[in-house]
N, C-alpha and C. Protein backbone atom coordinates (compact mmCIF):
# COMPACT_ATOMS: atom_id res chain seq x y z
N UNK A 1 15.68 8.27 -5.66
CA UNK A 1 16.26 9.02 -6.75
C UNK A 1 16.20 8.21 -8.04
N UNK A 2 16.26 8.90 -9.15
CA UNK A 2 16.10 8.26 -10.45
C UNK A 2 17.09 7.13 -10.72
N UNK A 3 18.37 7.25 -10.39
CA UNK A 3 19.26 6.11 -10.64
C UNK A 3 18.81 4.83 -9.93
N UNK A 4 18.34 4.95 -8.69
CA UNK A 4 17.85 3.79 -7.95
C UNK A 4 16.58 3.23 -8.58
N UNK A 5 15.69 4.11 -9.00
CA UNK A 5 14.44 3.69 -9.65
C UNK A 5 14.76 2.98 -10.96
N UNK A 6 15.70 3.52 -11.71
CA UNK A 6 16.12 2.89 -12.97
C UNK A 6 16.68 1.50 -12.73
N UNK A 7 17.48 1.35 -11.68
CA UNK A 7 18.04 0.03 -11.35
C UNK A 7 16.94 -0.98 -11.04
N UNK A 8 15.91 -0.56 -10.34
CA UNK A 8 14.81 -1.46 -10.03
C UNK A 8 14.13 -1.93 -11.32
N UNK A 9 13.90 -1.01 -12.25
CA UNK A 9 13.29 -1.39 -13.52
C UNK A 9 14.20 -2.33 -14.31
N UNK A 10 15.52 -2.10 -14.27
CA UNK A 10 16.45 -2.96 -15.00
C UNK A 10 16.47 -4.39 -14.46
N UNK A 11 16.23 -4.53 -13.17
CA UNK A 11 16.27 -5.85 -12.53
C UNK A 11 14.90 -6.53 -12.47
N UNK A 12 13.88 -5.89 -13.01
CA UNK A 12 12.52 -6.39 -12.89
C UNK A 12 11.85 -6.43 -14.26
N UNK A 13 10.98 -7.40 -14.48
CA UNK A 13 10.24 -7.44 -15.75
C UNK A 13 9.03 -6.49 -15.76
N UNK A 14 8.82 -5.77 -14.69
CA UNK A 14 7.64 -4.92 -14.56
C UNK A 14 7.77 -3.64 -15.37
N UNK A 15 6.62 -3.13 -15.83
CA UNK A 15 6.61 -1.87 -16.56
C UNK A 15 6.04 -0.73 -15.70
N UNK A 16 5.60 -1.06 -14.50
CA UNK A 16 5.10 -0.08 -13.53
C UNK A 16 5.56 -0.49 -12.15
N UNK A 17 5.85 0.49 -11.31
CA UNK A 17 6.25 0.22 -9.93
C UNK A 17 5.37 1.03 -8.98
N UNK A 18 4.98 0.44 -7.86
CA UNK A 18 4.21 1.20 -6.88
C UNK A 18 5.11 2.14 -6.08
N UNK A 19 4.55 3.26 -5.68
CA UNK A 19 5.25 4.20 -4.78
C UNK A 19 4.50 4.17 -3.46
N UNK A 20 5.23 3.86 -2.39
CA UNK A 20 4.61 3.70 -1.08
C UNK A 20 5.06 4.79 -0.13
N UNK A 21 4.15 5.17 0.77
CA UNK A 21 4.52 6.08 1.85
C UNK A 21 5.24 5.27 2.92
N UNK A 22 5.73 5.93 3.94
CA UNK A 22 6.44 5.25 5.02
C UNK A 22 5.55 4.20 5.68
N UNK A 23 4.25 4.47 5.77
CA UNK A 23 3.34 3.52 6.41
C UNK A 23 2.70 2.55 5.42
N UNK A 24 3.36 2.32 4.27
CA UNK A 24 2.97 1.32 3.27
C UNK A 24 1.67 1.64 2.53
N UNK A 25 1.30 2.91 2.49
CA UNK A 25 0.13 3.30 1.70
C UNK A 25 0.57 3.53 0.26
N UNK A 26 -0.25 3.06 -0.66
CA UNK A 26 0.02 3.25 -2.08
C UNK A 26 -0.32 4.69 -2.44
N UNK A 27 0.69 5.46 -2.81
CA UNK A 27 0.47 6.89 -3.09
C UNK A 27 0.63 7.23 -4.57
N UNK A 28 1.18 6.30 -5.34
CA UNK A 28 1.36 6.57 -6.76
C UNK A 28 1.94 5.38 -7.49
N UNK A 29 2.09 5.55 -8.80
CA UNK A 29 2.65 4.53 -9.68
C UNK A 29 3.68 5.21 -10.57
N UNK A 30 4.81 4.55 -10.79
CA UNK A 30 5.81 5.06 -11.73
C UNK A 30 5.85 4.11 -12.92
N UNK A 31 5.77 4.67 -14.13
CA UNK A 31 5.85 3.82 -15.32
C UNK A 31 7.27 3.86 -15.88
N UNK A 32 7.63 2.79 -16.54
CA UNK A 32 8.94 2.70 -17.19
C UNK A 32 9.08 3.82 -18.22
N UNK A 33 8.00 4.14 -18.93
CA UNK A 33 8.04 5.20 -19.93
C UNK A 33 8.36 6.55 -19.30
N UNK A 34 7.82 6.80 -18.12
CA UNK A 34 8.11 8.06 -17.42
C UNK A 34 9.58 8.16 -17.03
N UNK A 35 10.16 7.03 -16.64
CA UNK A 35 11.58 7.01 -16.29
C UNK A 35 12.42 7.25 -17.54
N UNK A 36 12.07 6.58 -18.63
CA UNK A 36 12.82 6.74 -19.88
C UNK A 36 12.85 8.20 -20.34
N UNK A 37 11.77 8.92 -20.11
CA UNK A 37 11.69 10.32 -20.53
C UNK A 37 12.72 11.20 -19.81
N UNK A 38 13.20 10.77 -18.66
CA UNK A 38 14.16 11.57 -17.88
C UNK A 38 15.60 11.09 -17.99
N UNK A 39 15.85 10.01 -18.69
CA UNK A 39 17.19 9.42 -18.69
C UNK A 39 18.25 10.29 -19.36
N UNK A 40 17.86 11.19 -20.24
CA UNK A 40 18.82 12.08 -20.90
C UNK A 40 18.96 13.41 -20.16
N UNK A 41 18.53 13.46 -18.93
CA UNK A 41 18.49 14.71 -18.18
C UNK A 41 19.87 15.22 -17.76
N UNK A 42 20.88 14.39 -17.81
CA UNK A 42 22.22 14.84 -17.41
C UNK A 42 22.38 14.90 -15.91
N UNK A 43 23.09 15.91 -15.43
CA UNK A 43 23.41 16.02 -14.01
C UNK A 43 22.18 16.26 -13.14
N UNK A 44 21.17 16.95 -13.67
CA UNK A 44 19.95 17.18 -12.89
C UNK A 44 19.18 15.89 -12.63
N UNK A 45 19.59 14.81 -13.30
CA UNK A 45 19.01 13.49 -13.10
C UNK A 45 19.04 13.07 -11.64
N UNK A 46 20.09 13.41 -10.95
CA UNK A 46 20.25 13.01 -9.55
C UNK A 46 19.23 13.68 -8.63
N UNK A 47 18.64 14.76 -9.06
CA UNK A 47 17.67 15.48 -8.23
C UNK A 47 16.24 14.94 -8.40
N UNK A 48 16.01 14.13 -9.43
CA UNK A 48 14.67 13.59 -9.69
C UNK A 48 14.37 12.49 -8.68
N UNK A 49 13.21 12.59 -8.02
CA UNK A 49 12.79 11.59 -7.03
C UNK A 49 11.47 10.97 -7.47
N UNK A 50 11.04 9.94 -6.76
CA UNK A 50 9.82 9.22 -7.11
C UNK A 50 8.61 10.16 -7.21
N UNK A 51 8.52 11.12 -6.32
CA UNK A 51 7.41 12.07 -6.33
C UNK A 51 7.33 12.82 -7.67
N UNK A 52 8.48 13.11 -8.27
CA UNK A 52 8.51 13.82 -9.55
C UNK A 52 7.98 12.96 -10.69
N UNK A 53 8.11 11.66 -10.57
CA UNK A 53 7.78 10.75 -11.66
C UNK A 53 6.41 10.08 -11.53
N UNK A 54 5.91 9.98 -10.31
CA UNK A 54 4.73 9.14 -10.09
C UNK A 54 3.45 9.75 -10.66
N UNK A 55 2.56 8.82 -11.00
CA UNK A 55 1.21 9.15 -11.47
C UNK A 55 0.23 8.81 -10.34
N UNK A 56 -0.96 9.40 -10.39
CA UNK A 56 -1.96 8.99 -9.40
C UNK A 56 -2.35 7.52 -9.60
N UNK A 57 -2.78 6.90 -8.54
CA UNK A 57 -3.23 5.51 -8.60
C UNK A 57 -4.65 5.50 -9.15
N UNK A 58 -4.82 4.90 -10.30
CA UNK A 58 -6.15 4.82 -10.90
C UNK A 58 -6.68 3.40 -10.95
N UNK A 59 -5.76 2.43 -10.94
CA UNK A 59 -6.16 1.03 -11.05
C UNK A 59 -5.62 0.26 -9.87
N UNK A 60 -6.53 -0.40 -9.15
CA UNK A 60 -6.16 -1.22 -8.00
C UNK A 60 -7.30 -2.18 -7.73
N UNK A 61 -7.02 -3.18 -6.94
CA UNK A 61 -8.03 -4.14 -6.50
C UNK A 61 -7.97 -4.22 -4.98
N UNK A 62 -9.01 -4.78 -4.39
CA UNK A 62 -9.01 -5.07 -2.96
C UNK A 62 -9.05 -6.59 -2.80
N UNK A 63 -8.63 -7.11 -1.65
CA UNK A 63 -8.57 -8.56 -1.48
C UNK A 63 -9.91 -9.28 -1.64
N UNK A 64 -11.00 -8.59 -1.39
CA UNK A 64 -12.31 -9.25 -1.48
C UNK A 64 -12.94 -9.15 -2.86
N UNK A 65 -12.21 -8.64 -3.85
CA UNK A 65 -12.75 -8.53 -5.21
C UNK A 65 -12.89 -9.92 -5.82
N UNK A 66 -14.04 -10.18 -6.40
CA UNK A 66 -14.27 -11.46 -7.09
C UNK A 66 -13.62 -11.40 -8.46
N UNK A 67 -13.13 -12.54 -8.91
CA UNK A 67 -12.41 -12.59 -10.18
C UNK A 67 -13.23 -12.00 -11.32
N UNK A 68 -14.49 -12.36 -11.42
CA UNK A 68 -15.31 -11.87 -12.53
C UNK A 68 -15.54 -10.36 -12.44
N UNK A 69 -15.56 -9.82 -11.23
CA UNK A 69 -15.69 -8.37 -11.07
C UNK A 69 -14.36 -7.67 -11.35
N UNK A 70 -13.25 -8.34 -11.02
CA UNK A 70 -11.92 -7.74 -11.21
C UNK A 70 -11.42 -7.89 -12.64
N UNK A 71 -11.97 -8.81 -13.40
CA UNK A 71 -11.48 -9.09 -14.75
C UNK A 71 -11.44 -7.86 -15.66
N UNK A 72 -12.47 -7.02 -15.70
CA UNK A 72 -12.37 -5.82 -16.55
C UNK A 72 -11.22 -4.90 -16.13
N UNK A 73 -10.97 -4.79 -14.84
CA UNK A 73 -9.85 -3.97 -14.35
C UNK A 73 -8.53 -4.58 -14.80
N UNK A 74 -8.40 -5.89 -14.63
CA UNK A 74 -7.18 -6.59 -14.99
C UNK A 74 -6.93 -6.49 -16.50
N UNK A 75 -7.96 -6.74 -17.28
CA UNK A 75 -7.82 -6.73 -18.74
C UNK A 75 -7.62 -5.32 -19.30
N UNK A 76 -8.17 -4.33 -18.64
CA UNK A 76 -8.09 -2.96 -19.12
C UNK A 76 -6.81 -2.24 -18.73
N UNK A 77 -5.98 -2.88 -17.96
CA UNK A 77 -4.77 -2.23 -17.45
C UNK A 77 -3.56 -2.56 -18.32
N UNK A 78 -2.66 -1.60 -18.42
CA UNK A 78 -1.37 -1.84 -19.08
C UNK A 78 -0.38 -2.49 -18.12
N UNK A 79 -0.71 -2.47 -16.84
CA UNK A 79 0.20 -3.00 -15.82
C UNK A 79 0.14 -4.52 -15.80
N UNK A 80 1.30 -5.15 -15.71
CA UNK A 80 1.36 -6.61 -15.57
C UNK A 80 0.95 -7.00 -14.15
N UNK A 81 1.34 -6.21 -13.16
CA UNK A 81 1.02 -6.49 -11.77
C UNK A 81 0.06 -5.40 -11.27
N UNK A 82 -1.18 -5.79 -11.01
CA UNK A 82 -2.19 -4.85 -10.52
C UNK A 82 -2.06 -4.78 -9.00
N UNK A 83 -1.89 -3.57 -8.44
CA UNK A 83 -1.76 -3.49 -6.98
C UNK A 83 -3.05 -3.89 -6.26
N UNK A 84 -2.87 -4.55 -5.12
CA UNK A 84 -3.99 -4.91 -4.26
C UNK A 84 -3.80 -4.16 -2.95
N UNK A 85 -4.81 -3.36 -2.59
CA UNK A 85 -4.77 -2.57 -1.36
C UNK A 85 -5.81 -3.09 -0.38
N UNK A 86 -5.56 -2.89 0.90
CA UNK A 86 -6.48 -3.41 1.91
C UNK A 86 -7.88 -2.80 1.79
N UNK A 87 -7.96 -1.51 1.45
CA UNK A 87 -9.24 -0.85 1.19
C UNK A 87 -8.96 0.40 0.37
N UNK A 88 -9.95 0.84 -0.37
CA UNK A 88 -9.76 2.04 -1.20
C UNK A 88 -9.58 3.28 -0.33
N UNK A 89 -10.03 3.23 0.90
CA UNK A 89 -9.88 4.36 1.81
C UNK A 89 -8.47 4.42 2.41
N UNK A 90 -8.00 3.28 2.94
CA UNK A 90 -6.68 3.26 3.58
C UNK A 90 -5.54 3.14 2.59
N UNK A 91 -5.72 2.40 1.51
CA UNK A 91 -4.74 2.27 0.43
C UNK A 91 -3.41 1.63 0.87
N UNK A 92 -3.45 0.72 1.84
CA UNK A 92 -2.23 0.02 2.23
C UNK A 92 -1.98 -1.13 1.25
N UNK A 93 -0.81 -1.14 0.65
CA UNK A 93 -0.49 -2.18 -0.33
C UNK A 93 -0.32 -3.51 0.39
N UNK A 94 -1.11 -4.51 -0.04
CA UNK A 94 -1.04 -5.83 0.58
C UNK A 94 -0.59 -6.91 -0.40
N UNK A 95 -0.48 -6.57 -1.68
CA UNK A 95 -0.05 -7.56 -2.67
C UNK A 95 -0.29 -7.05 -4.07
N UNK A 96 -0.27 -7.98 -5.01
CA UNK A 96 -0.54 -7.65 -6.40
C UNK A 96 -1.11 -8.87 -7.10
N UNK A 97 -1.78 -8.62 -8.21
CA UNK A 97 -2.35 -9.68 -9.03
C UNK A 97 -1.68 -9.61 -10.40
N UNK A 98 -1.16 -10.73 -10.85
CA UNK A 98 -0.49 -10.80 -12.15
C UNK A 98 -1.52 -10.97 -13.26
N UNK A 99 -1.50 -10.05 -14.22
CA UNK A 99 -2.40 -10.15 -15.36
C UNK A 99 -2.14 -11.44 -16.13
N UNK A 100 -0.88 -11.76 -16.38
CA UNK A 100 -0.54 -12.96 -17.13
C UNK A 100 -0.99 -14.23 -16.45
N UNK A 101 -0.74 -14.32 -15.13
CA UNK A 101 -1.16 -15.51 -14.39
C UNK A 101 -2.67 -15.63 -14.32
N UNK A 102 -3.35 -14.50 -14.16
CA UNK A 102 -4.80 -14.51 -14.13
C UNK A 102 -5.37 -15.02 -15.44
N UNK A 103 -4.84 -14.53 -16.55
CA UNK A 103 -5.30 -14.98 -17.86
C UNK A 103 -4.99 -16.46 -18.07
N UNK A 104 -3.82 -16.92 -17.59
CA UNK A 104 -3.47 -18.33 -17.70
C UNK A 104 -4.43 -19.21 -16.92
N UNK A 105 -4.75 -18.81 -15.69
CA UNK A 105 -5.70 -19.58 -14.88
C UNK A 105 -7.09 -19.58 -15.49
N UNK A 106 -7.48 -18.45 -16.03
CA UNK A 106 -8.79 -18.36 -16.67
C UNK A 106 -8.84 -19.26 -17.90
N UNK A 107 -7.78 -19.26 -18.67
CA UNK A 107 -7.69 -20.11 -19.85
C UNK A 107 -7.76 -21.59 -19.48
N UNK A 108 -7.04 -21.96 -18.41
CA UNK A 108 -7.09 -23.35 -17.94
C UNK A 108 -8.50 -23.74 -17.51
N UNK A 109 -9.16 -22.85 -16.78
CA UNK A 109 -10.52 -23.13 -16.30
C UNK A 109 -11.48 -23.30 -17.47
N UNK A 110 -11.34 -22.47 -18.49
CA UNK A 110 -12.19 -22.58 -19.67
C UNK A 110 -11.91 -23.90 -20.40
N UNK A 111 -10.62 -24.26 -20.50
CA UNK A 111 -10.24 -25.52 -21.15
C UNK A 111 -10.80 -26.72 -20.42
N UNK A 112 -10.70 -26.73 -19.09
CA UNK A 112 -11.23 -27.83 -18.29
C UNK A 112 -12.74 -27.90 -18.42
N UNK A 113 -13.39 -26.76 -18.42
CA UNK A 113 -14.84 -26.72 -18.54
C UNK A 113 -15.30 -27.27 -19.89
N UNK A 114 -14.59 -26.90 -20.96
CA UNK A 114 -14.99 -27.39 -22.28
C UNK A 114 -14.73 -28.89 -22.41
N UNK A 115 -13.67 -29.41 -21.74
CA UNK A 115 -13.43 -30.85 -21.77
C UNK A 115 -14.51 -31.61 -21.02
N UNK A 116 -14.96 -31.06 -19.89
CA UNK A 116 -16.02 -31.70 -19.11
C UNK A 116 -17.32 -31.73 -19.89
N UNK A 117 -17.57 -30.69 -20.66
CA UNK A 117 -18.81 -30.62 -21.45
C UNK A 117 -18.78 -31.58 -22.63
N UNK A 118 -17.59 -32.02 -23.07
CA UNK A 118 -17.49 -32.94 -24.19
C UNK A 118 -17.68 -34.37 -23.77
N UNK A 119 -17.54 -34.65 -22.49
CA UNK A 119 -17.64 -36.03 -21.98
C UNK A 119 -19.06 -36.47 -21.87
């Protein structure tokens, strides 16, 4: 229900949350903006569930994705945490990739590479 979803957003720095089926399949994404749009709903707020708010999953990675292949997906997403699913067919959520951490690691690697080239 929306109050519980709102609490999760309040306790998390994330701007998107995954919606999972009982068997841990990624079935949708809820954005903070979508939740905000319903906050003035009044008493009918209690009837709103994740299914009412979720969007289709358009951005995801699989565990075997190479960083250079995944980089356009990571950079093109508004999500800080990109969901990682076991396969695009099964869609079982197995983790996530942080856009910020990925960019930080990439920046470090570029810095180290440029220092090695100066020596």
